[in-house]
Amino acid sequence: MPGLTPSQLTSFHENGYLVLPNYLTPEETASLITETTSLLSTFDLSTHPLTQFTTGDDEKDNKPHVGDDYFLTSGDKVRFFFEPDAFETDPSTGSSKLTRPKETAVNKIGHALHSLSDPFEAVTLSERNAGIARSLGFQDPRVLQSMVICKQPGIGGAVPPHKDSEFLYTSPPSAVGFWIALQDAGPGNATLAMYKGSHRRPGGKVQRRFVRRYNEEGEVCGTEFVNNEGAEFPKGLEVAGEDEEGEVEVLDVKAGSLVLIHGNVLHKSEKNTGGKSRYAYTFHVIEGGEGWEYDGRNWLQPPEEGFSRLYK
């Protein structure tokens, strides 16, 4: 399958992201919506630990990033993480309970949809995506961290400015995000906001890492951000210009569109204060070829069989 055109590659390398409209057919998009709806309606709430997804960047609430066992062992499973604003706390007991149906309370579903769900696998481990990876220069691309981000009406949490390589670090950095709108995403609907060209500026380096945290006994006890002491930019990336974030472009993408996201480009999304959800399916590709190493401290660790290969 053909990959990106020369002009598309130029745009991606200059800006750090690229929008490909109508990447999925209406039928493919509908199949993912149907699968998402089924997953949300059928998971068992009675046995769920009610894990909430928090970013750890919210200084106002001072909530640590999600890091319980349910989260840390989700790399080869399909699990459900709730919006913090979907709960209320009983002041007398300190216990929390959902204030809305589970289907409209989930923040995201992850992190192995690409290997455990047939509809998601079909649009992920495809020759079309392999063609894009080849045009980007990947030698042995591996797929990981596939998830549906729900952005529920009224409570869909903001995602602060970040770089994907902070969370899926390889040495040197290699992550590329594939972000597919399953519903229209535009201004006022908690869409993506991209810091254009930020990956090519000095501030685009991977300065921090999101890793597993260990106690004195050597047991995993959560997650944390630490300073990055390894390579900060991908191989061959030309860094120039002032140390600034760059112009912010708020994307307007229709359902079925693909947004490619460079692992070092700064991006964010706002809280969904509107009345409509903003479902998106996203997965990441990292380099598994010789000369790149996936870090053993990353929050997500490969299953026994390794991460999924994109090249057949």
C-alpha atoms as a PDB file:
ATOM      1  CA  MET A   1       0.000   0.000   0.000  1.00  0.00           C
ATOM      2  CA  PRO A   2       1.255   3.518  -0.767  1.00  0.00           C
ATOM      3  CA  GLY A   3       2.246   5.650   2.187  1.00  0.00           C
ATOM      4  CA  LEU A   4       2.347   9.395   2.550  1.00  0.00           C
ATOM      5  CA  THR A   5       2.971  11.636  -0.440  1.00  0.00           C
ATOM      6  CA  PRO A   6       6.075  13.861  -0.506  1.00  0.00           C
ATOM      7  CA  SER A   7       3.985  16.927   0.326  1.00  0.00           C
ATOM      8  CA  GLN A   8       2.311  15.124   3.229  1.00  0.00           C
ATOM      9  CA  LEU A   9       5.682  14.029   4.582  1.00  0.00           C
ATOM     10  CA  THR A  10       6.987  17.589   4.347  1.00  0.00           C
ATOM     11  CA  SER A  11       3.961  18.909   6.234  1.00  0.00           C
ATOM     12  CA  PHE A  12       4.312  16.256   8.953  1.00  0.00           C
ATOM     13  CA  HIS A  13       8.023  16.899   9.462  1.00  0.00           C
ATOM     14  CA  GLU A  14       7.546  20.680   9.525  1.00  0.00           C
ATOM     15  CA  ASN A  15       4.483  20.866  11.768  1.00  0.00           C
ATOM     16  CA  GLY A  16       4.746  17.657  13.821  1.00  0.00           C
ATOM     17  CA  TYR A  17       1.279  16.469  12.835  1.00  0.00           C
ATOM     18  CA  LEU A  18      -0.776  15.733   9.744  1.00  0.00           C
ATOM     19  CA  VAL A  19      -4.539  15.467   9.207  1.00  0.00           C
ATOM     20  CA  LEU A  20      -5.720  12.886   6.663  1.00  0.00           C
ATOM     21  CA  PRO A  21      -9.465  13.391   6.055  1.00  0.00           C
ATOM     22  CA  ASN A  22     -11.712  10.408   5.335  1.00  0.00           C
ATOM     23  CA  TYR A  23      -9.027   7.922   6.335  1.00  0.00           C
ATOM     24  CA  LEU A  24     -11.643   5.404   7.443  1.00  0.00           C
ATOM     25  CA  THR A  25     -14.715   4.652   5.401  1.00  0.00           C
ATOM     26  CA  PRO A  26     -18.111   5.442   6.967  1.00  0.00           C
ATOM     27  CA  GLU A  27     -18.573   1.692   7.379  1.00  0.00           C
ATOM     28  CA  GLU A  28     -15.268   1.294   9.226  1.00  0.00           C
ATOM     29  CA  THR A  29     -16.034   4.236  11.488  1.00  0.00           C
ATOM     30  CA  ALA A  30     -19.499   2.866  12.228  1.00  0.00           C
ATOM     31  CA  SER A  31     -18.035  -0.538  13.119  1.00  0.00           C
ATOM     32  CA  LEU A  32     -15.764   1.062  15.736  1.00  0.00           C
ATOM     33  CA  ILE A  33     -18.624   3.096  17.194  1.00  0.00           C
ATOM     34  CA  THR A  34     -20.754  -0.054  17.402  1.00  0.00           C
ATOM     35  CA  GLU A  35     -17.930  -1.969  19.095  1.00  0.00           C
ATOM     36  CA  THR A  36     -17.303   0.869  21.547  1.00  0.00           C
ATOM     37  CA  THR A  37     -20.991   1.059  22.445  1.00  0.00           C
ATOM     38  CA  SER A  38     -21.063  -2.694  23.005  1.00  0.00           C
ATOM     39  CA  LEU A  39     -17.973  -2.625  25.220  1.00  0.00           C
ATOM     40  CA  LEU A  40     -19.384   0.205  27.331  1.00  0.00           C
ATOM     41  CA  SER A  41     -22.732  -1.487  27.819  1.00  0.00           C
ATOM     42  CA  THR A  42     -21.481  -4.989  28.611  1.00  0.00           C
ATOM     43  CA  PHE A  43     -18.542  -4.579  31.014  1.00  0.00           C
ATOM     44  CA  ASP A  44     -19.233  -5.713  34.565  1.00  0.00           C
ATOM     45  CA  LEU A  45     -19.491  -2.781  36.948  1.00  0.00           C
ATOM     46  CA  SER A  46     -19.957  -4.998  40.007  1.00  0.00           C
ATOM     47  CA  THR A  47     -16.364  -6.286  39.861  1.00  0.00           C
ATOM     48  CA  HIS A  48     -14.750  -3.056  38.650  1.00  0.00           C
ATOM     49  CA  PRO A  49     -12.282  -1.305  41.009  1.00  0.00           C
ATOM     50  CA  LEU A  50     -13.676   2.079  39.813  1.00  0.00           C
ATOM     51  CA  THR A  51     -10.232   3.233  38.723  1.00  0.00           C
ATOM     52  CA  GLN A  52     -10.308   6.872  37.675  1.00  0.00           C
ATOM     53  CA  PHE A  53      -8.048   8.222  34.954  1.00  0.00           C
ATOM     54  CA  THR A  54      -6.058  11.210  36.197  1.00  0.00           C
ATOM     55  CA  THR A  55      -3.129  12.888  34.470  1.00  0.00           C
ATOM     56  CA  GLY A  56      -1.023  13.904  37.459  1.00  0.00           C
ATOM     57  CA  ASP A  57      -0.597  17.361  35.905  1.00  0.00           C
ATOM     58  CA  ASP A  58      -3.555  18.991  37.649  1.00  0.00           C
ATOM     59  CA  GLU A  59      -1.942  21.159  40.305  1.00  0.00           C
ATOM     60  CA  LYS A  60      -5.330  22.479  41.414  1.00  0.00           C
ATOM     61  CA  ASP A  61      -6.626  19.089  42.535  1.00  0.00           C
ATOM     62  CA  ASN A  62      -3.174  17.659  43.320  1.00  0.00           C
ATOM     63  CA  LYS A  63      -4.258  14.203  42.182  1.00  0.00           C
ATOM     64  CA  PRO A  64      -1.513  11.716  41.312  1.00  0.00           C
ATOM     65  CA  HIS A  65      -1.566  10.058  37.894  1.00  0.00           C
ATOM     66  CA  VAL A  66      -3.484   6.810  37.762  1.00  0.00           C
ATOM     67  CA  GLY A  67      -1.137   4.004  38.777  1.00  0.00           C
ATOM     68  CA  ASP A  68      -2.973   1.119  40.383  1.00  0.00           C
ATOM     69  CA  ASP A  69      -2.581  -2.511  39.340  1.00  0.00           C
ATOM     70  CA  TYR A  70      -5.727  -2.367  37.191  1.00  0.00           C
ATOM     71  CA  PHE A  71      -4.038   0.332  35.109  1.00  0.00           C
ATOM     72  CA  LEU A  72      -0.488  -1.042  35.112  1.00  0.00           C
ATOM     73  CA  THR A  73      -1.544  -4.497  33.891  1.00  0.00           C
ATOM     74  CA  SER A  74      -3.863  -3.229  31.144  1.00  0.00           C
ATOM     75  CA  GLY A  75      -1.323  -3.349  28.307  1.00  0.00           C
ATOM     76  CA  ASP A  76      -2.654  -6.656  26.973  1.00  0.00           C
ATOM     77  CA  LYS A  77      -6.260  -6.281  28.113  1.00  0.00           C
ATOM     78  CA  VAL A  78      -9.421  -4.263  27.490  1.00  0.00           C
ATOM     79  CA  ARG A  79     -10.169  -2.217  30.584  1.00  0.00           C
ATOM     80  CA  PHE A  80     -12.267   0.788  31.503  1.00  0.00           C
ATOM     81  CA  PHE A  81     -11.149   3.962  33.260  1.00  0.00           C
ATOM     82  CA  PHE A  82     -13.593   6.470  34.701  1.00  0.00           C
ATOM     83  CA  GLU A  83     -13.812  10.252  34.629  1.00  0.00           C
ATOM     84  CA  PRO A  84     -13.138  11.701  38.110  1.00  0.00           C
ATOM     85  CA  ASP A  85     -16.055  14.107  37.655  1.00  0.00           C
ATOM     86  CA  ALA A  86     -18.441  11.162  37.278  1.00  0.00           C
ATOM     87  CA  PHE A  87     -18.242  10.513  41.034  1.00  0.00           C
ATOM     88  CA  GLU A  88     -19.465  12.190  44.166  1.00  0.00           C
ATOM     89  CA  THR A  89     -18.032  11.632  47.625  1.00  0.00           C
ATOM     90  CA  ASP A  90     -20.094  10.993  50.732  1.00  0.00           C
ATOM     91  CA  PRO A  91     -18.644  13.442  53.299  1.00  0.00           C
ATOM     92  CA  SER A  92     -19.634  11.226  56.218  1.00  0.00           C
ATOM     93  CA  THR A  93     -17.950   8.037  54.949  1.00  0.00           C
ATOM     94  CA  GLY A  94     -15.487   9.291  52.350  1.00  0.00           C
ATOM     95  CA  SER A  95     -16.742   6.691  49.879  1.00  0.00           C
ATOM     96  CA  SER A  96     -17.391   7.554  46.243  1.00  0.00           C
ATOM     97  CA  LYS A  97     -20.195   6.534  43.930  1.00  0.00           C
ATOM     98  CA  LEU A  98     -21.063   7.112  40.293  1.00  0.00           C
ATOM     99  CA  THR A  99     -23.515   9.888  39.581  1.00  0.00           C
ATOM    100  CA  ARG A 100     -24.414   8.768  36.061  1.00  0.00           C
ATOM    101  CA  PRO A 101     -24.757   5.577  34.003  1.00  0.00           C
ATOM    102  CA  LYS A 102     -21.460   3.763  33.436  1.00  0.00           C
ATOM    103  CA  GLU A 103     -21.753   4.225  29.658  1.00  0.00           C
ATOM    104  CA  THR A 104     -21.437   8.006  30.063  1.00  0.00           C
ATOM    105  CA  ALA A 105     -18.886   7.904  32.900  1.00  0.00           C
ATOM    106  CA  VAL A 106     -15.920   6.194  31.228  1.00  0.00           C
ATOM    107  CA  ASN A 107     -12.925   8.327  30.274  1.00  0.00           C
ATOM    108  CA  LYS A 108     -11.226   5.716  28.106  1.00  0.00           C
ATOM    109  CA  ILE A 109     -11.084   2.050  27.131  1.00  0.00           C
ATOM    110  CA  GLY A 110      -7.627   0.483  26.763  1.00  0.00           C
ATOM    111  CA  HIS A 111      -5.014  -0.582  26.141  1.00  0.00           C
ATOM    112  CA  ALA A 112      -5.032  -3.598  23.776  1.00  0.00           C
ATOM    113  CA  LEU A 113      -8.037  -3.006  21.539  1.00  0.00           C
ATOM    114  CA  HIS A 114      -5.833  -3.562  18.498  1.00  0.00           C
ATOM    115  CA  SER A 115      -5.206  -7.201  19.460  1.00  0.00           C
ATOM    116  CA  LEU A 116      -8.359  -8.188  21.372  1.00  0.00           C
ATOM    117  CA  SER A 117     -11.147  -6.594  19.324  1.00  0.00           C
ATOM    118  CA  ASP A 118     -11.687  -7.660  15.723  1.00  0.00           C
ATOM    119  CA  PRO A 119     -13.057  -4.309  14.470  1.00  0.00           C
ATOM    120  CA  PHE A 120     -10.192  -2.359  16.028  1.00  0.00           C
ATOM    121  CA  GLU A 121      -7.596  -4.869  14.877  1.00  0.00           C
ATOM    122  CA  ALA A 122      -8.864  -4.568  11.301  1.00  0.00           C
ATOM    123  CA  VAL A 123      -8.240  -0.812  11.151  1.00  0.00           C
ATOM    124  CA  THR A 124      -4.963  -0.949  13.118  1.00  0.00           C
ATOM    125  CA  LEU A 125      -2.815  -3.836  11.893  1.00  0.00           C
ATOM    126  CA  SER A 126      -3.457  -2.940   8.274  1.00  0.00           C
ATOM    127  CA  GLU A 127      -1.350  -2.602   5.140  1.00  0.00           C
ATOM    128  CA  ARG A 128      -2.558   0.994   4.905  1.00  0.00           C
ATOM    129  CA  ASN A 129      -0.978   1.855   8.266  1.00  0.00           C
ATOM    130  CA  ALA A 130       2.109  -0.161   7.374  1.00  0.00           C
ATOM    131  CA  GLY A 131       2.478   2.002   4.268  1.00  0.00           C
ATOM    132  CA  ILE A 132       2.463   5.146   6.403  1.00  0.00           C
ATOM    133  CA  ALA A 133       5.051   3.643   8.741  1.00  0.00           C
ATOM    134  CA  ARG A 134       7.311   2.779   5.803  1.00  0.00           C
ATOM    135  CA  SER A 135       7.098   6.304   4.438  1.00  0.00           C
ATOM    136  CA  LEU A 136       8.058   7.615   7.888  1.00  0.00           C
ATOM    137  CA  GLY A 137      11.161   5.418   7.826  1.00  0.00           C
ATOM    138  CA  PHE A 138      10.194   2.754  10.374  1.00  0.00           C
ATOM    139  CA  GLN A 139      12.280  -0.428  10.155  1.00  0.00           C
ATOM    140  CA  ASP A 140      10.188  -2.659  12.450  1.00  0.00           C
ATOM    141  CA  PRO A 141       7.182  -0.712  13.763  1.00  0.00           C
ATOM    142  CA  ARG A 142       5.412  -2.083  16.829  1.00  0.00           C
ATOM    143  CA  VAL A 143       1.861  -1.157  17.856  1.00  0.00           C
ATOM    144  CA  LEU A 144       0.961  -0.480  21.485  1.00  0.00           C
ATOM    145  CA  GLN A 145      -1.380   1.476  23.775  1.00  0.00           C
ATOM    146  CA  SER A 146      -4.553   1.335  21.690  1.00  0.00           C
ATOM    147  CA  MET A 147      -7.551   2.996  23.315  1.00  0.00           C
ATOM    148  CA  VAL A 148     -10.822   4.796  22.793  1.00  0.00           C
ATOM    149  CA  ILE A 149     -10.906   8.244  24.383  1.00  0.00           C
ATOM    150  CA  CYS A 150     -14.549   9.004  25.136  1.00  0.00           C
ATOM    151  CA  LYS A 151     -14.560  12.705  26.173  1.00  0.00           C
ATOM    152  CA  GLN A 152     -17.980  12.363  27.770  1.00  0.00           C
ATOM    153  CA  PRO A 153     -20.480  15.261  27.550  1.00  0.00           C
ATOM    154  CA  GLY A 154     -19.962  17.851  30.251  1.00  0.00           C
ATOM    155  CA  ILE A 155     -17.258  15.960  32.148  1.00  0.00           C
ATOM    156  CA  GLY A 156     -14.698  14.762  29.577  1.00  0.00           C
ATOM    157  CA  GLY A 157     -11.464  15.738  31.301  1.00  0.00           C
ATOM    158  CA  ALA A 158      -8.856  18.059  29.827  1.00  0.00           C
ATOM    159  CA  VAL A 159      -5.543  16.590  28.746  1.00  0.00           C
ATOM    160  CA  PRO A 160      -2.729  19.059  29.548  1.00  0.00           C
ATOM    161  CA  PRO A 161       0.116  19.817  27.107  1.00  0.00           C
ATOM    162  CA  HIS A 162       2.308  16.756  26.695  1.00  0.00           C
ATOM    163  CA  LYS A 163       4.468  14.760  24.273  1.00  0.00           C
ATOM    164  CA  ASP A 164       3.678  11.123  23.527  1.00  0.00           C
ATOM    165  CA  SER A 165       7.327  10.063  23.800  1.00  0.00           C
ATOM    166  CA  GLU A 166       7.203  10.998  27.492  1.00  0.00           C
ATOM    167  CA  PHE A 167       4.900   8.027  28.055  1.00  0.00           C
ATOM    168  CA  LEU A 168       6.212   5.487  25.515  1.00  0.00           C
ATOM    169  CA  TYR A 169       9.917   6.224  25.602  1.00  0.00           C
ATOM    170  CA  THR A 170      12.416   4.544  23.360  1.00  0.00           C
ATOM    171  CA  SER A 171      16.103   5.426  23.178  1.00  0.00           C
ATOM    172  CA  PRO A 172      16.249   7.362  20.950  1.00  0.00           C
ATOM    173  CA  PRO A 173      12.612   8.578  20.854  1.00  0.00           C
ATOM    174  CA  SER A 174      10.519   7.102  18.032  1.00  0.00           C
ATOM    175  CA  ALA A 175       6.815   7.238  18.986  1.00  0.00           C
ATOM    176  CA  VAL A 176       4.183   8.333  16.481  1.00  0.00           C
ATOM    177  CA  GLY A 177       0.516   8.599  17.441  1.00  0.00           C
ATOM    178  CA  PHE A 178      -2.330   7.554  15.147  1.00  0.00           C
ATOM    179  CA  TRP A 179      -5.424   9.474  16.328  1.00  0.00           C
ATOM    180  CA  ILE A 180      -8.692   8.701  14.536  1.00  0.00           C
ATOM    181  CA  ALA A 181     -11.847  10.748  15.109  1.00  0.00           C
ATOM    182  CA  LEU A 182     -14.848   8.460  15.548  1.00  0.00           C
ATOM    183  CA  GLN A 183     -17.112  11.487  15.996  1.00  0.00           C
ATOM    184  CA  ASP A 184     -16.643  15.019  14.684  1.00  0.00           C
ATOM    185  CA  ALA A 185     -14.078  16.939  16.728  1.00  0.00           C
ATOM    186  CA  GLY A 186     -13.775  20.705  16.413  1.00  0.00           C
ATOM    187  CA  PRO A 187     -13.580  23.973  18.362  1.00  0.00           C
ATOM    188  CA  GLY A 188     -15.932  23.801  21.332  1.00  0.00           C
ATOM    189  CA  ASN A 189     -15.934  19.995  21.275  1.00  0.00           C
ATOM    190  CA  ALA A 190     -12.687  19.285  23.171  1.00  0.00           C
ATOM    191  CA  THR A 191     -10.747  18.640  19.978  1.00  0.00           C
ATOM    192  CA  LEU A 192      -6.964  18.352  19.665  1.00  0.00           C
ATOM    193  CA  ALA A 193      -4.861  21.488  19.923  1.00  0.00           C
ATOM    194  CA  MET A 194      -1.400  21.198  18.371  1.00  0.00           C
ATOM    195  CA  TYR A 195       1.682  23.354  19.044  1.00  0.00           C
ATOM    196  CA  LYS A 196       2.812  23.668  15.455  1.00  0.00           C
ATOM    197  CA  GLY A 197       6.490  22.884  14.910  1.00  0.00           C
ATOM    198  CA  SER A 198       7.208  22.530  18.631  1.00  0.00           C
ATOM    199  CA  HIS A 199       8.982  19.197  18.070  1.00  0.00           C
ATOM    200  CA  ARG A 200      11.759  20.940  16.102  1.00  0.00           C
ATOM    201  CA  ARG A 201      12.512  23.614  18.708  1.00  0.00           C
ATOM    202  CA  PRO A 202      14.857  23.221  21.693  1.00  0.00           C
ATOM    203  CA  GLY A 203      11.809  22.968  23.977  1.00  0.00           C
ATOM    204  CA  GLY A 204      10.577  19.969  21.989  1.00  0.00           C
ATOM    205  CA  LYS A 205      13.031  17.619  23.651  1.00  0.00           C
ATOM    206  CA  VAL A 206      11.751  14.834  25.877  1.00  0.00           C
ATOM    207  CA  GLN A 207      12.538  16.394  29.241  1.00  0.00           C
ATOM    208  CA  ARG A 208      10.568  14.054  31.482  1.00  0.00           C
ATOM    209  CA  ARG A 209       9.463  10.436  31.540  1.00  0.00           C
ATOM    210  CA  PHE A 210       6.307   8.760  32.839  1.00  0.00           C
ATOM    211  CA  VAL A 211       7.513   5.610  34.606  1.00  0.00           C
ATOM    212  CA  ARG A 212       6.591   2.956  37.129  1.00  0.00           C
ATOM    213  CA  ARG A 213       7.367   3.897  40.706  1.00  0.00           C
ATOM    214  CA  TYR A 214       8.900   1.360  43.110  1.00  0.00           C
ATOM    215  CA  ASN A 215       8.970   1.224  46.901  1.00  0.00           C
ATOM    216  CA  GLU A 216      11.981   0.362  49.060  1.00  0.00           C
ATOM    217  CA  GLU A 217      11.207  -3.347  48.689  1.00  0.00           C
ATOM    218  CA  GLY A 218      11.436  -3.081  44.907  1.00  0.00           C
ATOM    219  CA  GLU A 219       7.684  -3.514  44.379  1.00  0.00           C
ATOM    220  CA  VAL A 220       5.703  -1.453  41.908  1.00  0.00           C
ATOM    221  CA  CYS A 221       3.620   1.052  43.858  1.00  0.00           C
ATOM    222  CA  GLY A 222       2.293   3.436  41.220  1.00  0.00           C
ATOM    223  CA  THR A 223       3.588   5.828  38.593  1.00  0.00           C
ATOM    224  CA  GLU A 224       5.486   9.090  38.499  1.00  0.00           C
ATOM    225  CA  PHE A 225       7.228  11.585  36.249  1.00  0.00           C
ATOM    226  CA  VAL A 226      11.043  11.651  36.372  1.00  0.00           C
ATOM    227  CA  ASN A 227      13.662  13.663  34.527  1.00  0.00           C
ATOM    228  CA  ASN A 228      14.788  12.133  31.254  1.00  0.00           C
ATOM    229  CA  GLU A 229      18.499  11.338  31.264  1.00  0.00           C
ATOM    230  CA  GLY A 230      18.532   9.651  27.853  1.00  0.00           C
ATOM    231  CA  ALA A 231      18.241  10.798  24.245  1.00  0.00           C
ATOM    232  CA  GLU A 232      15.849  13.734  23.881  1.00  0.00           C
ATOM    233  CA  PHE A 233      15.184  13.834  20.115  1.00  0.00           C
ATOM    234  CA  PRO A 234      14.655  11.185  17.419  1.00  0.00           C
ATOM    235  CA  LYS A 235      17.466  10.246  15.090  1.00  0.00           C
ATOM    236  CA  GLY A 236      18.025  12.756  12.317  1.00  0.00           C
ATOM    237  CA  LEU A 237      15.672  15.443  13.626  1.00  0.00           C
ATOM    238  CA  GLU A 238      17.027  18.922  12.872  1.00  0.00           C
ATOM    239  CA  VAL A 239      16.475  21.209  15.860  1.00  0.00           C
ATOM    240  CA  ALA A 240      16.546  24.957  15.337  1.00  0.00           C
ATOM    241  CA  GLY A 241      14.789  28.188  16.268  1.00  0.00           C
ATOM    242  CA  GLU A 242      13.862  29.762  19.563  1.00  0.00           C
ATOM    243  CA  ASP A 243      12.942  27.837  22.691  1.00  0.00           C
ATOM    244  CA  GLU A 244       9.208  28.424  22.462  1.00  0.00           C
ATOM    245  CA  GLU A 245       6.095  26.294  22.214  1.00  0.00           C
ATOM    246  CA  GLY A 246       4.954  27.555  18.816  1.00  0.00           C
ATOM    247  CA  GLU A 247       1.634  28.555  17.332  1.00  0.00           C
ATOM    248  CA  VAL A 248      -1.366  26.586  18.596  1.00  0.00           C
ATOM    249  CA  GLU A 249      -3.740  25.181  15.982  1.00  0.00           C
ATOM    250  CA  VAL A 250      -7.101  23.934  17.198  1.00  0.00           C
ATOM    251  CA  LEU A 251      -8.011  21.145  14.806  1.00  0.00           C
ATOM    252  CA  ASP A 252     -11.374  20.691  13.144  1.00  0.00           C
ATOM    253  CA  VAL A 253     -11.556  17.053  12.060  1.00  0.00           C
ATOM    254  CA  LYS A 254     -14.531  15.047  10.898  1.00  0.00           C
ATOM    255  CA  ALA A 255     -15.359  11.484  11.891  1.00  0.00           C
ATOM    256  CA  GLY A 256     -13.136   9.026  10.056  1.00  0.00           C
ATOM    257  CA  SER A 257     -10.182  11.405   9.786  1.00  0.00           C
ATOM    258  CA  LEU A 258      -6.695  10.403  10.923  1.00  0.00           C
ATOM    259  CA  VAL A 259      -4.297  12.731  12.741  1.00  0.00           C
ATOM    260  CA  LEU A 260      -0.658  11.612  12.777  1.00  0.00           C
ATOM    261  CA  ILE A 261       1.181  12.986  15.826  1.00  0.00           C
ATOM    262  CA  HIS A 262       4.972  13.197  16.153  1.00  0.00           C
ATOM    263  CA  GLY A 263       6.184  11.847  19.499  1.00  0.00           C
ATOM    264  CA  ASN A 264       7.965  15.111  20.395  1.00  0.00           C
ATOM    265  CA  VAL A 265       5.262  17.578  19.356  1.00  0.00           C
ATOM    266  CA  LEU A 266       3.414  19.319  22.172  1.00  0.00           C
ATOM    267  CA  HIS A 267      -0.373  18.908  22.097  1.00  0.00           C
ATOM    268  CA  LYS A 268      -3.393  19.015  24.387  1.00  0.00           C
ATOM    269  CA  SER A 269      -7.196  18.954  24.536  1.00  0.00           C
ATOM    270  CA  GLU A 270      -9.659  20.913  26.640  1.00  0.00           C
ATOM    271  CA  LYS A 271     -12.420  19.648  28.891  1.00  0.00           C
ATOM    272  CA  ASN A 272     -15.588  18.736  27.023  1.00  0.00           C
ATOM    273  CA  THR A 273     -18.117  21.234  28.360  1.00  0.00           C
ATOM    274  CA  GLY A 274     -20.573  20.607  25.526  1.00  0.00           C
ATOM    275  CA  GLY A 275     -23.511  18.276  25.257  1.00  0.00           C
ATOM    276  CA  LYS A 276     -22.000  15.762  22.834  1.00  0.00           C
ATOM    277  CA  SER A 277     -19.340  13.104  23.323  1.00  0.00           C
ATOM    278  CA  ARG A 278     -16.126  13.156  21.284  1.00  0.00           C
ATOM    279  CA  TYR A 279     -15.037   9.571  20.735  1.00  0.00           C
ATOM    280  CA  ALA A 280     -11.593   9.024  19.231  1.00  0.00           C
ATOM    281  CA  TYR A 281      -9.544   5.885  18.677  1.00  0.00           C
ATOM    282  CA  THR A 282      -5.812   6.207  19.141  1.00  0.00           C
ATOM    283  CA  PHE A 283      -2.825   3.891  19.088  1.00  0.00           C
ATOM    284  CA  HIS A 284       0.908   4.399  18.958  1.00  0.00           C
ATOM    285  CA  VAL A 285       3.745   3.032  16.891  1.00  0.00           C
ATOM    286  CA  ILE A 286       7.330   2.777  18.141  1.00  0.00           C
ATOM    287  CA  GLU A 287      10.487   1.576  16.435  1.00  0.00           C
ATOM    288  CA  GLY A 288      11.394  -2.000  17.298  1.00  0.00           C
ATOM    289  CA  GLY A 289      14.364  -2.218  14.963  1.00  0.00           C
ATOM    290  CA  GLU A 290      18.010  -2.538  15.878  1.00  0.00           C
ATOM    291  CA  GLY A 291      19.375   0.623  17.418  1.00  0.00           C
ATOM    292  CA  TRP A 292      16.251   1.515  19.399  1.00  0.00           C
ATOM    293  CA  GLU A 293      15.434   0.297  22.908  1.00  0.00           C
ATOM    294  CA  TYR A 294      12.052   0.348  24.622  1.00  0.00           C
ATOM    295  CA  ASP A 295      12.696   1.438  28.183  1.00  0.00           C
ATOM    296  CA  GLY A 296      12.026  -1.080  30.966  1.00  0.00           C
ATOM    297  CA  ARG A 297      10.832   1.668  33.298  1.00  0.00           C
ATOM    298  CA  ASN A 298       7.948   2.775  31.060  1.00  0.00           C
ATOM    299  CA  TRP A 299       4.523   2.434  32.652  1.00  0.00           C
ATOM    300  CA  LEU A 300       3.417   0.080  29.862  1.00  0.00           C
ATOM    301  CA  GLN A 301       5.516  -3.037  29.460  1.00  0.00           C
ATOM    302  CA  PRO A 302       5.259  -5.528  26.575  1.00  0.00           C
ATOM    303  CA  PRO A 303       3.329  -8.773  26.956  1.00  0.00           C
ATOM    304  CA  GLU A 304       5.214 -12.059  26.835  1.00  0.00           C
ATOM    305  CA  GLU A 305       4.869 -12.270  23.061  1.00  0.00           C
ATOM    306  CA  GLY A 306       6.025  -8.669  22.588  1.00  0.00           C
ATOM    307  CA  PHE A 307       4.235  -5.717  21.062  1.00  0.00           C
ATOM    308  CA  SER A 308       2.269  -6.285  17.845  1.00  0.00           C
ATOM    309  CA  ARG A 309       4.261  -6.054  14.617  1.00  0.00           C
ATOM    310  CA  LEU A 310       2.807  -3.772  11.956  1.00  0.00           C
ATOM    311  CA  TYR A 311       4.779  -5.299   9.077  1.00  0.00           C
ATOM    312  CA  LYS A 312       3.558  -8.742   8.133  1.00  0.00           C
END
